[in-house]
Amino acid sequence: MRIPGIYVERSVIQAVTVERSVIQAVTVERSVIQAVTVERSVIQAVTVERSVIQATIVERSVIWAVMGSV
């Protein structure tokens, strides 16, 4: 004689397993999105830093040009 309760319990365990897998997948996806966001922020920060360095180089060149013309 088969007990229906066992099948129900197995189905519930399977459903919980699937739910956990989905939650884990969403967590991984969020972590990846966060990592990409951080990476973009770092790239933007580097770009800004480079722009500042370039601006400083230009400023120094202008200063040198002014000093040379005086």
Foldseek 3Di string as FASTA:
>chain_A
DDDVVVVVVVVVVVVVVVVVVVVVVVVVVVVVVVVVVVVVVVVVVVVVVVVVVVVVVVVVVVVVVVVVVD
